[in-house]
N, C-alpha and C. Protein backbone atom coordinates (compact mmCIF):
# COMPACT_ATOMS: atom_id res chain seq x y z
N MET A 1 0.83 -1.18 0.00
CA MET A 1 0.00 0.00 0.00
C MET A 1 0.87 1.24 0.00
N SER A 2 0.39 2.25 -0.66
CA SER A 2 1.13 3.49 -0.67
C SER A 2 0.40 4.53 0.18
N SER A 3 1.16 5.41 0.73
CA SER A 3 0.55 6.48 1.52
C SER A 3 0.92 7.82 0.91
N ILE A 4 0.07 8.77 1.13
CA ILE A 4 0.30 10.10 0.60
C ILE A 4 0.82 10.98 1.73
N HIS A 5 1.94 11.61 1.48
CA HIS A 5 2.55 12.48 2.49
C HIS A 5 2.39 13.92 2.02
N THR A 6 1.80 14.73 2.87
CA THR A 6 1.67 16.15 2.53
C THR A 6 2.58 16.96 3.42
N THR A 7 3.13 18.00 2.86
CA THR A 7 4.06 18.84 3.60
C THR A 7 3.39 20.09 4.15
N GLY A 8 2.11 20.27 3.84
CA GLY A 8 1.43 21.45 4.32
C GLY A 8 1.51 22.63 3.36
N HIS A 9 2.27 22.45 2.30
CA HIS A 9 2.39 23.52 1.31
C HIS A 9 1.28 23.37 0.28
N SER A 10 0.68 24.47 -0.08
CA SER A 10 -0.35 24.41 -1.11
C SER A 10 0.13 25.15 -2.34
N THR A 11 -0.42 24.79 -3.46
CA THR A 11 -0.02 25.44 -4.69
C THR A 11 -0.81 26.71 -4.94
N GLY A 12 -1.92 26.89 -4.24
CA GLY A 12 -2.76 28.07 -4.42
C GLY A 12 -2.50 29.08 -3.33
N SER A 13 -3.54 29.78 -2.96
CA SER A 13 -3.42 30.77 -1.91
C SER A 13 -3.34 30.08 -0.55
N ALA A 14 -2.93 30.82 0.45
CA ALA A 14 -2.82 30.26 1.79
C ALA A 14 -4.19 29.88 2.31
N PRO A 15 -4.27 28.78 3.05
CA PRO A 15 -5.57 28.38 3.59
C PRO A 15 -6.08 29.41 4.58
N SER A 16 -7.37 29.65 4.53
CA SER A 16 -7.94 30.63 5.44
C SER A 16 -8.68 29.91 6.55
N THR A 17 -8.67 30.52 7.71
CA THR A 17 -9.40 29.98 8.83
C THR A 17 -10.42 31.00 9.28
N VAL A 18 -11.50 30.52 9.82
CA VAL A 18 -12.55 31.41 10.32
C VAL A 18 -12.19 31.80 11.74
N THR A 19 -12.16 33.10 12.00
CA THR A 19 -11.83 33.60 13.33
C THR A 19 -13.11 33.99 14.07
N MET A 20 -12.96 34.31 15.33
CA MET A 20 -14.11 34.74 16.13
C MET A 20 -14.72 36.01 15.57
N GLY A 21 -13.93 36.86 14.96
CA GLY A 21 -14.44 38.09 14.36
C GLY A 21 -15.29 37.83 13.13
N ASP A 22 -15.09 36.67 12.50
CA ASP A 22 -15.87 36.33 11.31
C ASP A 22 -17.26 35.82 11.65
N ILE A 23 -17.47 35.33 12.86
CA ILE A 23 -18.76 34.73 13.22
C ILE A 23 -19.91 35.73 13.09
N PRO A 24 -19.81 36.95 13.63
CA PRO A 24 -20.93 37.89 13.43
C PRO A 24 -21.16 38.22 11.95
N ARG A 25 -20.06 38.35 11.19
CA ARG A 25 -20.21 38.63 9.76
C ARG A 25 -20.87 37.46 9.04
N LEU A 26 -20.55 36.24 9.43
CA LEU A 26 -21.17 35.08 8.80
C LEU A 26 -22.66 35.00 9.14
N LEU A 27 -23.02 35.34 10.36
CA LEU A 27 -24.44 35.38 10.72
C LEU A 27 -25.17 36.46 9.92
N LEU A 28 -24.55 37.61 9.78
CA LEU A 28 -25.14 38.66 8.95
C LEU A 28 -25.25 38.21 7.50
N ALA A 29 -24.26 37.46 7.04
CA ALA A 29 -24.26 36.98 5.66
C ALA A 29 -25.43 36.05 5.39
N ILE A 30 -25.88 35.35 6.41
CA ILE A 30 -27.01 34.44 6.24
C ILE A 30 -28.32 35.21 6.21
N PHE A 31 -28.47 36.19 7.08
CA PHE A 31 -29.73 36.92 7.18
C PHE A 31 -29.80 38.13 6.25
N LEU A 32 -28.71 38.87 6.13
CA LEU A 32 -28.64 40.05 5.25
C LEU A 32 -27.29 40.01 4.52
N PRO A 33 -27.20 39.26 3.44
CA PRO A 33 -25.91 39.06 2.77
C PRO A 33 -25.14 40.34 2.44
N PRO A 34 -25.77 41.39 1.90
CA PRO A 34 -24.98 42.59 1.58
C PRO A 34 -24.35 43.25 2.81
N VAL A 35 -25.00 43.16 3.95
CA VAL A 35 -24.44 43.77 5.17
C VAL A 35 -23.19 43.01 5.61
N GLY A 36 -23.22 41.69 5.54
CA GLY A 36 -22.03 40.91 5.87
C GLY A 36 -20.86 41.22 4.95
N VAL A 37 -21.14 41.38 3.66
CA VAL A 37 -20.08 41.73 2.70
C VAL A 37 -19.59 43.14 2.96
N PHE A 38 -20.48 44.07 3.27
CA PHE A 38 -20.07 45.44 3.56
C PHE A 38 -19.10 45.49 4.73
N PHE A 39 -19.39 44.75 5.81
CA PHE A 39 -18.50 44.76 6.96
C PHE A 39 -17.15 44.12 6.64
N GLN A 40 -17.09 43.29 5.62
CA GLN A 40 -15.82 42.66 5.24
C GLN A 40 -15.02 43.52 4.28
N VAL A 41 -15.67 44.07 3.23
CA VAL A 41 -14.91 44.76 2.18
C VAL A 41 -15.33 46.21 1.95
N GLY A 42 -16.40 46.68 2.57
CA GLY A 42 -16.84 48.06 2.35
C GLY A 42 -17.64 48.20 1.07
N PHE A 43 -17.73 49.43 0.57
CA PHE A 43 -18.52 49.73 -0.63
C PHE A 43 -17.70 49.48 -1.90
N GLY A 44 -17.28 48.27 -2.11
CA GLY A 44 -16.51 47.93 -3.31
C GLY A 44 -17.34 47.16 -4.31
N LEU A 45 -16.66 46.66 -5.31
CA LEU A 45 -17.31 45.87 -6.36
C LEU A 45 -18.03 44.66 -5.78
N GLN A 46 -17.40 43.98 -4.82
CA GLN A 46 -18.01 42.78 -4.25
C GLN A 46 -19.32 43.09 -3.52
N PHE A 47 -19.40 44.27 -2.89
CA PHE A 47 -20.63 44.67 -2.22
C PHE A 47 -21.76 44.82 -3.23
N TRP A 48 -21.49 45.54 -4.32
CA TRP A 48 -22.54 45.78 -5.33
C TRP A 48 -22.91 44.49 -6.06
N LEU A 49 -21.94 43.62 -6.28
CA LEU A 49 -22.22 42.32 -6.88
C LEU A 49 -23.11 41.49 -5.96
N ASN A 50 -22.86 41.59 -4.66
CA ASN A 50 -23.68 40.84 -3.72
C ASN A 50 -25.10 41.38 -3.68
N ILE A 51 -25.27 42.68 -3.79
CA ILE A 51 -26.63 43.25 -3.84
C ILE A 51 -27.36 42.69 -5.06
N LEU A 52 -26.70 42.67 -6.20
CA LEU A 52 -27.31 42.15 -7.41
C LEU A 52 -27.67 40.66 -7.25
N LEU A 53 -26.75 39.88 -6.71
CA LEU A 53 -27.02 38.45 -6.51
C LEU A 53 -28.16 38.23 -5.53
N THR A 54 -28.23 39.05 -4.49
CA THR A 54 -29.30 38.91 -3.51
C THR A 54 -30.65 39.28 -4.11
N ILE A 55 -30.68 40.28 -4.97
CA ILE A 55 -31.93 40.66 -5.64
C ILE A 55 -32.37 39.55 -6.60
N LEU A 56 -31.41 38.99 -7.34
CA LEU A 56 -31.74 37.95 -8.31
C LEU A 56 -32.13 36.63 -7.64
N GLY A 57 -31.62 36.40 -6.47
CA GLY A 57 -31.93 35.18 -5.73
C GLY A 57 -31.25 35.22 -4.39
N TYR A 58 -31.98 35.01 -3.35
CA TYR A 58 -31.45 35.14 -1.99
C TYR A 58 -30.29 34.17 -1.74
N ILE A 59 -30.42 32.94 -2.18
CA ILE A 59 -29.39 31.91 -1.94
C ILE A 59 -28.06 32.27 -2.62
N PRO A 60 -28.04 32.72 -3.89
CA PRO A 60 -26.75 33.13 -4.47
C PRO A 60 -26.08 34.27 -3.69
N GLY A 61 -26.89 35.17 -3.14
CA GLY A 61 -26.33 36.25 -2.32
C GLY A 61 -25.68 35.72 -1.06
N ILE A 62 -26.31 34.73 -0.44
CA ILE A 62 -25.75 34.11 0.77
C ILE A 62 -24.44 33.39 0.44
N ILE A 63 -24.46 32.61 -0.62
CA ILE A 63 -23.26 31.86 -1.00
C ILE A 63 -22.10 32.81 -1.29
N HIS A 64 -22.36 33.86 -2.03
CA HIS A 64 -21.32 34.84 -2.35
C HIS A 64 -20.81 35.52 -1.08
N ALA A 65 -21.70 35.91 -0.19
CA ALA A 65 -21.29 36.59 1.04
C ALA A 65 -20.43 35.69 1.92
N VAL A 66 -20.83 34.44 2.09
CA VAL A 66 -20.04 33.52 2.91
C VAL A 66 -18.68 33.28 2.26
N TRP A 67 -18.64 33.16 0.95
CA TRP A 67 -17.37 32.97 0.25
C TRP A 67 -16.44 34.17 0.46
N ILE A 68 -16.99 35.38 0.33
CA ILE A 68 -16.19 36.60 0.52
C ILE A 68 -15.62 36.65 1.94
N ILE A 69 -16.45 36.38 2.93
CA ILE A 69 -16.01 36.46 4.31
C ILE A 69 -14.98 35.38 4.62
N ALA A 70 -15.17 34.19 4.09
CA ALA A 70 -14.26 33.08 4.37
C ALA A 70 -12.91 33.22 3.67
N THR A 71 -12.86 33.90 2.52
CA THR A 71 -11.61 33.96 1.77
C THR A 71 -10.86 35.27 1.89
N ARG A 72 -11.48 36.33 2.31
CA ARG A 72 -10.81 37.63 2.39
C ARG A 72 -10.17 37.84 3.75
N ARG A 73 -9.00 38.41 3.75
CA ARG A 73 -8.31 38.78 4.99
C ARG A 73 -7.98 40.22 4.96
């Protein structure tokens, strides 16, 4: 049998972890997705994109907001 050994290095961006400060933003992202994105990135392109996604469908807005909060530092 062969085993796979990982060194912890990734080929992409650094892995992100959810911190205690992200929890309120994630809760906001579920109930009011644009507000969660605003607290993460401000009035940028991602905020306006999230408003559009939330208007077009609530679930895409939530998915986008959680993704923004989980990946942005």
